[in-house]
Amino acid sequence: MATRQGIRNIGIVAHVDHGKTTLVDALLWQSGAFRAGQDVADRVLDSMDLEREKGITILAKNTAVHYGGVKLKIVDTPGLVPARGLIGFRTEFLTETRGTGLMRHVFDRWEPWQGELRTRPAGSLVADRRGTVAAFALFKLQERGTLFVAPGDEVYEGMIIGESSRAEDLDVNPTKEKHLTNMRSSTADELVRLVPKRELSLDQALEFLGVDEAVEVTPHAVRLRKAVLDGTARRKQARSARQAAAAG
């Protein structure tokens, strides 16, 4: 198997308060990632308020530094993490290690609830009606994110057909076809080029899930959907949640 001599993979694994993030800070400073005199917060990889408050690592993080002509890929992960913190990390971990990384975890003990975890940054592309997916519609939608469906697939309202390139969910019509007229057009025979759809396994679908989403498994397909299928009901629910959060 071909190897790349200019890359080193480093995994920092220890219990929650053994100074892993402080070590990563030192590596970042030594590699010249920060300018001299730059104002940088301590424990730069701690992204949650609870992590900074308690001085512990809850979410696994990864970064990379260049030193002496070598790229060091660093994974900072606590020895004790909530099982829900590992959901969605496996795919990112394999991507960062080019499929060569090995990850092992075992159950240790129950812990009190430590607060919400940060979920995926991207939203979902959600079908707003039932029908058959059209190539013309997908050609317009593929600019807005990664698609999980192909022309000819059946969809229904509330079904997730792709990952949005933006943080918020987007209701779309994947069944829209090109209107036919009796007028000749110079682009009438233009070829529609589509990016192949992203096939999701059951594990990948579970990793992708948001808090208001569910996986639908049949003998022939694995689909993603919103827990509330009706778009109007979802918007009302989201509005009520925002108002409750603002009031509380």
Protein backbone atom coordinates (compact mmCIF):
# COMPACT_ATOMS: atom_id res chain seq x y z
CA MET A 1 0.00 0.00 0.00
CA ALA A 2 1.32 3.46 -0.93
CA THR A 3 2.25 5.70 2.00
CA ARG A 4 2.65 9.46 2.30
CA GLN A 5 5.84 10.35 4.15
CA GLY A 6 4.79 13.96 4.75
CA ILE A 7 1.83 13.12 6.99
CA ARG A 8 1.71 11.90 10.59
CA ASN A 9 -1.53 11.00 12.41
CA ILE A 10 -1.61 11.67 16.15
CA GLY A 11 -4.40 10.59 18.48
CA ILE A 12 -4.48 12.15 21.95
CA VAL A 13 -6.66 9.99 24.16
CA ALA A 14 -6.81 10.30 27.95
CA HIS A 15 -9.28 10.92 30.71
CA VAL A 16 -11.20 14.18 30.79
CA ASP A 17 -8.85 16.31 32.94
CA HIS A 18 -5.34 15.15 31.99
CA GLY A 19 -4.35 18.23 29.95
CA LYS A 20 -4.99 17.00 26.38
CA THR A 21 -6.31 20.34 25.07
CA THR A 22 -3.45 22.21 26.78
CA LEU A 23 -1.02 19.94 24.93
CA VAL A 24 -2.73 20.74 21.61
CA ASP A 25 -2.42 24.47 22.42
CA ALA A 26 1.33 24.01 22.84
CA LEU A 27 1.59 22.13 19.53
CA LEU A 28 -0.29 24.90 17.72
CA TRP A 29 2.00 27.57 19.19
CA GLN A 30 5.17 25.60 18.41
CA SER A 31 4.09 25.05 14.79
CA GLY A 32 3.56 28.77 14.19
CA ALA A 33 -0.20 28.49 13.71
CA PHE A 34 -0.64 31.76 15.67
CA ARG A 35 1.13 35.07 15.15
CA ALA A 36 3.49 36.39 17.81
CA GLY A 37 1.46 38.48 20.24
CA GLN A 38 -1.87 37.23 18.87
CA ASP A 39 -4.65 37.18 21.47
CA VAL A 40 -5.70 33.52 21.61
CA ALA A 41 -7.97 32.03 24.26
CA ASP A 42 -6.68 29.14 26.34
CA ARG A 43 -7.83 25.68 25.26
CA VAL A 44 -8.62 26.88 21.75
CA LEU A 45 -10.23 23.56 20.76
CA ASP A 46 -12.84 23.73 23.52
CA SER A 47 -15.95 24.79 21.58
CA MET A 48 -18.65 24.36 24.25
CA ASP A 49 -19.28 26.66 27.20
CA LEU A 50 -19.46 23.62 29.48
CA GLU A 51 -16.02 22.47 28.30
CA ARG A 52 -14.48 25.87 29.11
CA GLU A 53 -16.29 26.08 32.44
CA LYS A 54 -15.32 22.60 33.64
CA GLY A 55 -11.94 22.39 31.90
CA ILE A 56 -12.83 19.07 30.30
CA THR A 57 -13.16 17.69 26.77
CA ILE A 58 -16.64 16.45 25.87
CA LEU A 59 -16.69 16.55 22.05
CA ALA A 60 -13.90 14.97 20.02
CA LYS A 61 -12.03 17.53 17.86
CA ASN A 62 -9.50 17.34 15.06
CA THR A 63 -6.99 19.81 13.64
CA ALA A 64 -3.77 19.81 11.65
CA VAL A 65 -0.47 21.70 11.90
CA HIS A 66 2.61 21.94 9.66
CA TYR A 67 6.02 21.55 11.26
CA GLY A 68 9.38 20.80 9.65
CA GLY A 69 7.82 19.94 6.31
CA VAL A 70 5.48 17.39 7.88
CA LYS A 71 1.72 17.72 8.28
CA LEU A 72 0.59 16.55 11.72
CA LYS A 73 -3.06 15.49 11.91
CA ILE A 74 -4.22 15.62 15.52
CA VAL A 75 -7.36 14.09 17.03
CA ASP A 76 -8.13 15.29 20.56
CA THR A 77 -10.70 13.05 22.20
CA PRO A 78 -11.54 12.44 25.84
CA GLY A 79 -11.03 9.04 27.33
CA LEU A 80 -14.56 9.31 28.70
CA VAL A 81 -17.12 10.71 26.26
CA PRO A 82 -20.92 10.49 26.15
CA ALA A 83 -22.00 7.85 23.65
CA ARG A 84 -24.16 10.45 21.87
CA GLY A 85 -20.98 12.51 21.30
CA LEU A 86 -19.62 9.72 19.05
CA ILE A 87 -22.65 9.76 16.74
CA GLY A 88 -21.53 11.34 13.48
CA PHE A 89 -17.82 11.31 14.38
CA ARG A 90 -16.93 8.01 12.69
CA THR A 91 -17.40 9.35 9.14
CA GLU A 92 -15.40 12.50 9.87
CA PHE A 93 -12.68 10.43 11.55
CA LEU A 94 -12.31 8.09 8.56
CA THR A 95 -12.22 11.06 6.20
CA GLU A 96 -9.48 12.78 8.17
CA THR A 97 -7.37 9.60 8.36
CA ARG A 98 -8.06 8.63 4.72
CA GLY A 99 -9.69 5.42 5.89
CA THR A 100 -6.64 4.23 7.84
CA GLY A 101 -7.76 5.24 11.34
CA LEU A 102 -8.88 2.74 13.96
CA MET A 103 -11.33 3.70 16.68
CA ARG A 104 -12.36 1.60 19.66
CA HIS A 105 -14.68 2.44 22.53
CA VAL A 106 -16.31 0.54 25.39
CA PHE A 107 -19.01 1.49 27.87
CA ASP A 108 -17.59 2.71 31.19
CA ARG A 109 -20.40 4.08 33.35
CA TRP A 110 -23.50 6.23 33.47
CA GLU A 111 -23.06 9.97 34.04
CA PRO A 112 -25.47 12.85 34.78
CA TRP A 113 -26.77 14.85 31.79
CA GLN A 114 -24.11 17.37 30.75
CA GLY A 115 -26.14 19.52 28.36
CA GLU A 116 -26.85 19.61 24.64
CA LEU A 117 -24.19 18.68 22.10
CA ARG A 118 -23.46 20.60 18.91
CA THR A 119 -25.05 18.83 15.95
CA ARG A 120 -24.13 19.01 12.26
CA PRO A 121 -23.80 22.56 10.91
CA ALA A 122 -25.76 21.96 7.68
CA GLY A 123 -29.52 21.83 7.25
CA SER A 124 -31.66 19.47 5.17
CA LEU A 125 -33.33 19.67 1.78
CA VAL A 126 -36.92 18.55 2.43
CA ALA A 127 -39.48 17.56 -0.21
CA ASP A 128 -42.64 19.68 0.00
CA ARG A 129 -44.92 17.29 -1.92
CA ARG A 130 -45.45 13.69 -3.06
CA GLY A 131 -44.39 12.59 -6.53
CA THR A 132 -41.65 11.25 -8.79
CA VAL A 133 -38.27 12.96 -8.80
CA ALA A 134 -37.54 14.80 -12.07
CA ALA A 135 -34.10 15.37 -13.58
CA PHE A 136 -34.99 18.99 -14.41
CA ALA A 137 -35.71 19.73 -10.74
CA LEU A 138 -32.54 18.03 -9.49
CA PHE A 139 -30.43 20.01 -11.96
CA LYS A 140 -31.59 23.20 -10.22
CA LEU A 141 -31.34 21.73 -6.70
CA GLN A 142 -27.85 20.22 -6.90
CA GLU A 143 -26.39 23.73 -6.54
CA ARG A 144 -28.02 23.98 -3.11
CA GLY A 145 -26.46 20.92 -1.52
CA THR A 146 -25.75 17.18 -1.73
CA LEU A 147 -28.63 15.06 -3.04
CA PHE A 148 -29.76 11.67 -1.71
CA VAL A 149 -32.24 10.91 -4.54
CA ALA A 150 -32.05 10.32 -8.30
CA PRO A 151 -34.51 10.86 -11.18
CA GLY A 152 -37.36 8.37 -10.99
CA ASP A 153 -37.28 7.95 -7.20
CA GLU A 154 -40.56 8.37 -5.33
CA VAL A 155 -40.69 11.04 -2.62
CA TYR A 156 -43.31 12.35 -0.22
CA GLU A 157 -43.85 15.51 1.80
CA GLY A 158 -41.42 15.72 4.70
CA MET A 159 -38.90 13.31 3.17
CA ILE A 160 -35.27 14.50 3.33
CA ILE A 161 -33.82 14.40 -0.19
CA GLY A 162 -30.42 15.96 0.52
CA GLU A 163 -28.07 17.93 2.74
CA SER A 164 -28.36 21.70 2.39
CA SER A 165 -25.28 23.87 1.89
CA ARG A 166 -26.73 26.29 4.45
CA ALA A 167 -27.44 25.92 8.16
CA GLU A 168 -31.24 26.08 7.88
CA ASP A 169 -33.64 23.52 6.39
CA LEU A 170 -35.06 24.25 2.95
CA ASP A 171 -38.40 22.98 1.58
CA VAL A 172 -38.00 22.19 -2.13
CA ASN A 173 -39.96 20.67 -5.00
CA PRO A 174 -37.94 17.77 -6.50
CA THR A 175 -40.81 16.75 -8.83
CA LYS A 176 -40.90 19.92 -10.94
CA GLU A 177 -40.59 19.17 -14.66
CA LYS A 178 -39.72 21.43 -17.57
CA HIS A 179 -42.80 22.99 -19.15
CA LEU A 180 -43.28 21.93 -22.77
CA THR A 181 -44.42 24.44 -25.40
CA ASN A 182 -44.94 24.43 -29.15
CA MET A 183 -42.15 26.99 -29.58
CA ARG A 184 -38.75 25.82 -30.80
CA SER A 185 -35.87 26.64 -28.44
CA SER A 186 -32.16 26.69 -29.15
CA THR A 187 -31.61 24.79 -25.87
CA ALA A 188 -34.39 22.25 -26.35
CA ASP A 189 -31.96 19.34 -26.70
CA GLU A 190 -29.48 20.52 -24.07
CA LEU A 191 -28.14 17.63 -21.98
CA VAL A 192 -28.84 17.79 -18.23
CA ARG A 193 -25.76 16.73 -16.27
CA LEU A 194 -26.42 15.56 -12.72
CA VAL A 195 -24.02 14.78 -9.89
CA PRO A 196 -24.57 11.15 -8.76
CA LYS A 197 -26.67 10.88 -5.63
CA ARG A 198 -25.06 10.09 -2.29
CA GLU A 199 -26.04 6.61 -1.12
CA LEU A 200 -26.50 6.39 2.65
CA SER A 201 -26.03 3.22 4.66
CA LEU A 202 -28.01 2.74 7.87
CA ASP A 203 -25.01 3.83 9.97
CA GLN A 204 -24.48 6.95 7.86
CA ALA A 205 -28.19 7.80 8.04
CA LEU A 206 -28.14 7.55 11.84
CA GLU A 207 -25.05 9.77 11.96
CA PHE A 208 -26.75 12.37 9.75
CA LEU A 209 -29.91 12.66 11.86
CA GLY A 210 -30.94 15.96 13.43
CA VAL A 211 -33.04 16.24 16.58
CA ASP A 212 -36.29 16.58 14.58
CA GLU A 213 -35.53 13.83 12.05
CA ALA A 214 -35.96 10.07 11.79
CA VAL A 215 -34.71 7.14 9.71
CA GLU A 216 -37.16 5.05 7.72
CA VAL A 217 -35.89 1.53 6.95
CA THR A 218 -37.59 -0.79 4.44
CA PRO A 219 -36.38 -4.03 2.82
CA HIS A 220 -35.35 -2.03 -0.24
CA ALA A 221 -34.28 1.41 0.97
CA VAL A 222 -33.03 3.57 3.82
CA ARG A 223 -34.70 6.98 3.85
CA LEU A 224 -34.53 10.08 6.00
CA ARG A 225 -37.60 12.07 6.98
CA LYS A 226 -38.76 14.78 9.30
CA ALA A 227 -40.52 13.64 12.46
CA VAL A 228 -43.35 16.02 11.53
CA LEU A 229 -44.09 15.59 7.83
CA ASP A 230 -46.37 18.58 7.27
CA GLY A 231 -44.32 21.68 6.43
CA THR A 232 -46.78 24.14 7.96
CA ALA A 233 -46.86 22.18 11.22
CA ARG A 234 -43.04 22.10 11.33
CA ARG A 235 -42.80 25.87 10.89
CA LYS A 236 -45.37 26.45 13.64
CA GLN A 237 -43.49 24.07 15.94
CA ALA A 238 -40.18 25.83 15.25
CA ARG A 239 -41.78 29.25 15.88
CA SER A 240 -43.22 28.07 19.19
CA ALA A 241 -39.84 26.68 20.23
CA ARG A 242 -38.12 30.01 19.47
CA GLN A 243 -40.72 31.94 21.40
CA ALA A 244 -40.42 29.60 24.37
CA ALA A 245 -36.63 29.93 24.33
CA ALA A 246 -36.87 33.73 24.16
CA ALA A 247 -39.36 33.83 27.03
CA GLY A 248 -37.42 31.40 29.22
